[in-house]
Amino acid sequence: MSDKVSKAQQRAVQKYVKNNYDRVVLTLPKGKRDEIKQYAEMDDKSMNAYIVQAIEEKISNDKGQR
C-alpha cells in the first residue's frame, strides 16, 4: 500500500479540521517548546494533547475555586 496521500484526501482532512477545530498560535519563550515536547513524550502524548490537557486541568481547578 502506498504511503502517499492524494490531494483529495488532504483537502478532505483540511476541511474536517477547519469545520471541527479552532486553531491557536502559541508563542513561547526560547527553549520552552523543547521542554514541553520532552514532558509530552514522557507522558506518551503529542504536544497538542499535552497542552490541551494542561489547559483543561487549569480551567477545572479554577472553576473549583470560584
PDB file of N, CA and C in Angstrom:
ATOM      1  N   MET A   1       0.846  -1.186   0.000  1.00  0.00           N
ATOM      2  CA  MET A   1       0.000   0.000   0.000  1.00  0.00           C
ATOM      3  C   MET A   1       0.885   1.242   0.000  1.00  0.00           C
ATOM      4  N   SER A   2       0.508   2.242  -0.731  1.00  0.00           N
ATOM      5  CA  SER A   2       1.287   3.464  -0.866  1.00  0.00           C
ATOM      6  C   SER A   2       1.127   4.354   0.367  1.00  0.00           C
ATOM      7  N   ASP A   3       2.231   5.015   0.742  1.00  0.00           N
ATOM      8  CA  ASP A   3       2.194   5.939   1.872  1.00  0.00           C
ATOM      9  C   ASP A   3       1.759   7.334   1.444  1.00  0.00           C
ATOM     10  N   LYS A   4       1.607   7.545   0.153  1.00  0.00           N
ATOM     11  CA  LYS A   4       1.233   8.859  -0.350  1.00  0.00           C
ATOM     12  C   LYS A   4      -0.244   9.128  -0.101  1.00  0.00           C
ATOM     13  N   VAL A   5      -0.522  10.388   0.183  1.00  0.00           N
ATOM     14  CA  VAL A   5      -1.898  10.827   0.405  1.00  0.00           C
ATOM     15  C   VAL A   5      -2.304  11.670  -0.796  1.00  0.00           C
ATOM     16  N   SER A   6      -3.458  11.389  -1.346  1.00  0.00           N
ATOM     17  CA  SER A   6      -3.911  12.134  -2.523  1.00  0.00           C
ATOM     18  C   SER A   6      -4.282  13.567  -2.143  1.00  0.00           C
ATOM     19  N   LYS A   7      -4.293  14.422  -3.128  1.00  0.00           N
ATOM     20  CA  LYS A   7      -4.697  15.822  -2.915  1.00  0.00           C
ATOM     21  C   LYS A   7      -6.126  15.890  -2.384  1.00  0.00           C
ATOM     22  N   ALA A   8      -6.986  15.013  -2.874  1.00  0.00           N
ATOM     23  CA  ALA A   8      -8.378  14.987  -2.413  1.00  0.00           C
ATOM     24  C   ALA A   8      -8.445  14.611  -0.940  1.00  0.00           C
ATOM     25  N   GLN A   9      -7.624  13.658  -0.525  1.00  0.00           N
ATOM     26  CA  GLN A   9      -7.603  13.268   0.887  1.00  0.00           C
ATOM     27  C   GLN A   9      -7.094  14.417   1.749  1.00  0.00           C
ATOM     28  N   GLN A  10      -6.058  15.110   1.276  1.00  0.00           N
ATOM     29  CA  GLN A  10      -5.525  16.255   2.011  1.00  0.00           C
ATOM     30  C   GLN A  10      -6.581  17.338   2.167  1.00  0.00           C
ATOM     31  N   ARG A  11      -7.306  17.627   1.091  1.00  0.00           N
ATOM     32  CA  ARG A  11      -8.369  18.645   1.155  1.00  0.00           C
ATOM     33  C   ARG A  11      -9.473  18.215   2.110  1.00  0.00           C
ATOM     34  N   ALA A  12      -9.823  16.938   2.099  1.00  0.00           N
ATOM     35  CA  ALA A  12     -10.875  16.438   2.985  1.00  0.00           C
ATOM     36  C   ALA A  12     -10.461  16.589   4.443  1.00  0.00           C
ATOM     37  N   VAL A  13      -9.217  16.271   4.745  1.00  0.00           N
ATOM     38  CA  VAL A  13      -8.727  16.407   6.123  1.00  0.00           C
ATOM     39  C   VAL A  13      -8.709  17.874   6.527  1.00  0.00           C
ATOM     40  N   GLN A  14      -8.221  18.744   5.649  1.00  0.00           N
ATOM     41  CA  GLN A  14      -8.191  20.178   5.944  1.00  0.00           C
ATOM     42  C   GLN A  14      -9.592  20.726   6.188  1.00  0.00           C
ATOM     43  N   LYS A  15     -10.548  20.303   5.391  1.00  0.00           N
ATOM     44  CA  LYS A  15     -11.935  20.746   5.560  1.00  0.00           C
ATOM     45  C   LYS A  15     -12.492  20.259   6.895  1.00  0.00           C
ATOM     46  N   TYR A  16     -12.222  19.004   7.238  1.00  0.00           N
ATOM     47  CA  TYR A  16     -12.694  18.454   8.508  1.00  0.00           C
ATOM     48  C   TYR A  16     -12.110  19.240   9.680  1.00  0.00           C
ATOM     49  N   VAL A  17     -10.810  19.482   9.647  1.00  0.00           N
ATOM     50  CA  VAL A  17     -10.153  20.218  10.729  1.00  0.00           C
ATOM     51  C   VAL A  17     -10.736  21.624  10.832  1.00  0.00           C
ATOM     52  N   LYS A  18     -10.909  22.290   9.704  1.00  0.00           N
ATOM     53  CA  LYS A  18     -11.456  23.649   9.697  1.00  0.00           C
ATOM     54  C   LYS A  18     -12.856  23.699  10.300  1.00  0.00           C
ATOM     55  N   ASN A  19     -13.667  22.688  10.020  1.00  0.00           N
ATOM     56  CA  ASN A  19     -15.047  22.669  10.499  1.00  0.00           C
ATOM     57  C   ASN A  19     -15.198  22.186  11.934  1.00  0.00           C
ATOM     58  N   ASN A  20     -14.192  21.502  12.474  1.00  0.00           N
ATOM     59  CA  ASN A  20     -14.357  20.868  13.778  1.00  0.00           C
ATOM     60  C   ASN A  20     -13.389  21.331  14.862  1.00  0.00           C
ATOM     61  N   TYR A  21     -12.426  22.141  14.507  1.00  0.00           N
ATOM     62  CA  TYR A  21     -11.421  22.568  15.477  1.00  0.00           C
ATOM     63  C   TYR A  21     -11.149  24.051  15.345  1.00  0.00           C
ATOM     64  N   ASP A  22     -10.819  24.682  16.463  1.00  0.00           N
ATOM     65  CA  ASP A  22     -10.305  26.044  16.459  1.00  0.00           C
ATOM     66  C   ASP A  22      -8.786  25.950  16.488  1.00  0.00           C
ATOM     67  N   ARG A  23      -8.130  26.868  15.818  1.00  0.00           N
ATOM     68  CA  ARG A  23      -6.665  26.878  15.794  1.00  0.00           C
ATOM     69  C   ARG A  23      -6.181  28.057  16.624  1.00  0.00           C
ATOM     70  N   VAL A  24      -5.096  27.842  17.359  1.00  0.00           N
ATOM     71  CA  VAL A  24      -4.492  28.874  18.186  1.00  0.00           C
ATOM     72  C   VAL A  24      -2.991  28.881  17.910  1.00  0.00           C
ATOM     73  N   VAL A  25      -2.440  30.064  17.707  1.00  0.00           N
ATOM     74  CA  VAL A  25      -0.992  30.197  17.572  1.00  0.00           C
ATOM     75  C   VAL A  25      -0.442  30.493  18.956  1.00  0.00           C
ATOM     76  N   LEU A  26       0.547  29.741  19.359  1.00  0.00           N
ATOM     77  CA  LEU A  26       1.117  29.868  20.697  1.00  0.00           C
ATOM     78  C   LEU A  26       2.555  30.341  20.574  1.00  0.00           C
ATOM     79  N   THR A  27       2.888  31.448  21.223  1.00  0.00           N
ATOM     80  CA  THR A  27       4.249  31.970  21.216  1.00  0.00           C
ATOM     81  C   THR A  27       4.871  31.688  22.574  1.00  0.00           C
ATOM     82  N   LEU A  28       6.017  31.014  22.561  1.00  0.00           N
ATOM     83  CA  LEU A  28       6.676  30.582  23.789  1.00  0.00           C
ATOM     84  C   LEU A  28       8.076  31.171  23.879  1.00  0.00           C
ATOM     85  N   PRO A  29       8.589  31.325  25.100  1.00  0.00           N
ATOM     86  CA  PRO A  29       9.992  31.727  25.234  1.00  0.00           C
ATOM     87  C   PRO A  29      10.900  30.656  24.627  1.00  0.00           C
ATOM     88  N   LYS A  30      12.061  31.077  24.136  1.00  0.00           N
ATOM     89  CA  LYS A  30      13.030  30.138  23.562  1.00  0.00           C
ATOM     90  C   LYS A  30      13.291  28.994  24.535  1.00  0.00           C
ATOM     91  N   GLY A  31      13.286  27.782  24.019  1.00  0.00           N
ATOM     92  CA  GLY A  31      13.580  26.601  24.825  1.00  0.00           C
ATOM     93  C   GLY A  31      12.359  25.960  25.453  1.00  0.00           C
ATOM     94  N   LYS A  32      11.282  26.706  25.615  1.00  0.00           N
ATOM     95  CA  LYS A  32      10.078  26.176  26.269  1.00  0.00           C
ATOM     96  C   LYS A  32       9.417  25.105  25.413  1.00  0.00           C
ATOM     97  N   ARG A  33       9.464  25.251  24.092  1.00  0.00           N
ATOM     98  CA  ARG A  33       8.873  24.253  23.196  1.00  0.00           C
ATOM     99  C   ARG A  33       9.534  22.901  23.410  1.00  0.00           C
ATOM    100  N   ASP A  34      10.858  22.891  23.468  1.00  0.00           N
ATOM    101  CA  ASP A  34      11.578  21.632  23.678  1.00  0.00           C
ATOM    102  C   ASP A  34      11.235  21.018  25.031  1.00  0.00           C
ATOM    103  N   GLU A  35      11.080  21.865  26.045  1.00  0.00           N
ATOM    104  CA  GLU A  35      10.719  21.374  27.379  1.00  0.00           C
ATOM    105  C   GLU A  35       9.327  20.738  27.360  1.00  0.00           C
ATOM    106  N   ILE A  36       8.375  21.404  26.736  1.00  0.00           N
ATOM    107  CA  ILE A  36       7.016  20.865  26.644  1.00  0.00           C
ATOM    108  C   ILE A  36       7.022  19.563  25.858  1.00  0.00           C
ATOM    109  N   LYS A  37       7.770  19.536  24.763  1.00  0.00           N
ATOM    110  CA  LYS A  37       7.860  18.321  23.947  1.00  0.00           C
ATOM    111  C   LYS A  37       8.409  17.157  24.764  1.00  0.00           C
ATOM    112  N   GLN A  38       9.429  17.413  25.555  1.00  0.00           N
ATOM    113  CA  GLN A  38      10.030  16.373  26.397  1.00  0.00           C
ATOM    114  C   GLN A  38       9.011  15.832  27.401  1.00  0.00           C
ATOM    115  N   TYR A  39       8.285  16.710  28.077  1.00  0.00           N
ATOM    116  CA  TYR A  39       7.285  16.265  29.045  1.00  0.00           C
ATOM    117  C   TYR A  39       6.140  15.528  28.361  1.00  0.00           C
ATOM    118  N   ALA A  40       5.734  15.994  27.197  1.00  0.00           N
ATOM    119  CA  ALA A  40       4.665  15.323  26.450  1.00  0.00           C
ATOM    120  C   ALA A  40       5.091  13.912  26.075  1.00  0.00           C
ATOM    121  N   GLU A  41       6.325  13.753  25.608  1.00  0.00           N
ATOM    122  CA  GLU A  41       6.826  12.430  25.240  1.00  0.00           C
ATOM    123  C   GLU A  41       6.894  11.511  26.452  1.00  0.00           C
ATOM    124  N   MET A  42       7.298  12.049  27.604  1.00  0.00           N
ATOM    125  CA  MET A  42       7.349  11.233  28.826  1.00  0.00           C
ATOM    126  C   MET A  42       5.955  10.766  29.227  1.00  0.00           C
ATOM    127  N   ASP A  43       4.943  11.567  28.888  1.00  0.00           N
ATOM    128  CA  ASP A  43       3.551  11.230  29.196  1.00  0.00           C
ATOM    129  C   ASP A  43       2.895  10.486  28.028  1.00  0.00           C
ATOM    130  N   ASP A  44       3.695  10.137  27.015  1.00  0.00           N
ATOM    131  CA  ASP A  44       3.236   9.420  25.820  1.00  0.00           C
ATOM    132  C   ASP A  44       2.080  10.149  25.135  1.00  0.00           C
ATOM    133  N   LYS A  45       2.234  11.485  24.994  1.00  0.00           N
ATOM    134  CA  LYS A  45       1.220  12.318  24.355  1.00  0.00           C
ATOM    135  C   LYS A  45       1.881  13.188  23.295  1.00  0.00           C
ATOM    136  N   SER A  46       1.070  13.664  22.382  1.00  0.00           N
ATOM    137  CA  SER A  46       1.553  14.687  21.453  1.00  0.00           C
ATOM    138  C   SER A  46       1.645  16.002  22.227  1.00  0.00           C
ATOM    139  N   MET A  47       2.385  16.944  21.671  1.00  0.00           N
ATOM    140  CA  MET A  47       2.455  18.254  22.328  1.00  0.00           C
ATOM    141  C   MET A  47       1.074  18.879  22.411  1.00  0.00           C
ATOM    142  N   ASN A  48       0.283  18.745  21.356  1.00  0.00           N
ATOM    143  CA  ASN A  48      -1.059  19.305  21.349  1.00  0.00           C
ATOM    144  C   ASN A  48      -1.905  18.703  22.466  1.00  0.00           C
ATOM    145  N   ALA A  49      -1.900  17.376  22.567  1.00  0.00           N
ATOM    146  CA  ALA A  49      -2.698  16.710  23.601  1.00  0.00           C
ATOM    147  C   ALA A  49      -2.229  17.114  24.993  1.00  0.00           C
ATOM    148  N   TYR A  50      -0.927  17.252  25.167  1.00  0.00           N
ATOM    149  CA  TYR A  50      -0.365  17.630  26.464  1.00  0.00           C
ATOM    150  C   TYR A  50      -0.800  19.047  26.852  1.00  0.00           C
ATOM    151  N   ILE A  51      -0.725  19.968  25.896  1.00  0.00           N
ATOM    152  CA  ILE A  51      -1.115  21.356  26.158  1.00  0.00           C
ATOM    153  C   ILE A  51      -2.614  21.462  26.415  1.00  0.00           C
ATOM    154  N   VAL A  52      -3.423  20.775  25.615  1.00  0.00           N
ATOM    155  CA  VAL A  52      -4.877  20.793  25.817  1.00  0.00           C
ATOM    156  C   VAL A  52      -5.221  20.254  27.201  1.00  0.00           C
ATOM    157  N   GLN A  53      -4.589  19.158  27.610  1.00  0.00           N
ATOM    158  CA  GLN A  53      -4.844  18.584  28.933  1.00  0.00           C
ATOM    159  C   GLN A  53      -4.465  19.576  30.031  1.00  0.00           C
ATOM    160  N   ALA A  54      -3.329  20.246  29.883  1.00  0.00           N
ATOM    161  CA  ALA A  54      -2.898  21.220  30.886  1.00  0.00           C
ATOM    162  C   ALA A  54      -3.903  22.366  31.002  1.00  0.00           C
ATOM    163  N   ILE A  55      -4.396  22.845  29.874  1.00  0.00           N
ATOM    164  CA  ILE A  55      -5.383  23.925  29.880  1.00  0.00           C
ATOM    165  C   ILE A  55      -6.683  23.455  30.523  1.00  0.00           C
ATOM    166  N   GLU A  56      -7.142  22.262  30.160  1.00  0.00           N
ATOM    167  CA  GLU A  56      -8.383  21.732  30.734  1.00  0.00           C
ATOM    168  C   GLU A  56      -8.259  21.550  32.245  1.00  0.00           C
ATOM    169  N   GLU A  57      -7.112  21.065  32.716  1.00  0.00           N
ATOM    170  CA  GLU A  57      -6.904  20.905  34.155  1.00  0.00           C
ATOM    171  C   GLU A  57      -6.901  22.257  34.856  1.00  0.00           C
ATOM    172  N   LYS A  58      -6.270  23.263  34.265  1.00  0.00           N
ATOM    173  CA  LYS A  58      -6.233  24.604  34.846  1.00  0.00           C
ATOM    174  C   LYS A  58      -7.639  25.187  34.939  1.00  0.00           C
ATOM    175  N   ILE A  59      -8.418  25.060  33.878  1.00  0.00           N
ATOM    176  CA  ILE A  59      -9.791  25.569  33.888  1.00  0.00           C
ATOM    177  C   ILE A  59     -10.615  24.848  34.949  1.00  0.00           C
ATOM    178  N   SER A  60     -10.483  23.537  35.034  1.00  0.00           N
ATOM    179  CA  SER A  60     -11.223  22.755  36.021  1.00  0.00           C
ATOM    180  C   SER A  60     -10.859  23.187  37.440  1.00  0.00           C
ATOM    181  N   ASN A  61      -9.571  23.382  37.690  1.00  0.00           N
ATOM    182  CA  ASN A  61      -9.128  23.823  39.016  1.00  0.00           C
ATOM    183  C   ASN A  61      -9.644  25.218  39.336  1.00  0.00           C
ATOM    184  N   ASP A  62      -9.617  26.109  38.357  1.00  0.00           N
ATOM    185  CA  ASP A  62     -10.096  27.471  38.574  1.00  0.00           C
ATOM    186  C   ASP A  62     -11.596  27.500  38.851  1.00  0.00           C
ATOM    187  N   LYS A  63     -12.360  26.644  38.185  1.00  0.00           N
ATOM    188  CA  LYS A  63     -13.801  26.584  38.423  1.00  0.00           C
ATOM    189  C   LYS A  63     -14.098  26.172  39.855  1.00  0.00           C
ATOM    190  N   GLY A  64     -13.300  25.289  40.396  1.00  0.00           N
ATOM    191  CA  GLY A  64     -13.496  24.819  41.767  1.00  0.00           C
ATOM    192  C   GLY A  64     -13.193  25.879  42.803  1.00  0.00           C
ATOM    193  N   GLN A  65     -12.443  26.908  42.421  1.00  0.00           N
ATOM    194  CA  GLN A  65     -12.061  27.963  43.360  1.00  0.00           C
ATOM    195  C   GLN A  65     -12.990  29.163  43.296  1.00  0.00           C
ATOM    196  N   ARG A  66     -13.966  29.131  42.416  1.00  0.00           N
ATOM    197  CA  ARG A  66     -14.869  30.292  42.276  1.00  0.00           C
ATOM    198  C   ARG A  66     -16.174  30.053  42.950  1.00  0.00           C
TER     199      ARG A  66
END
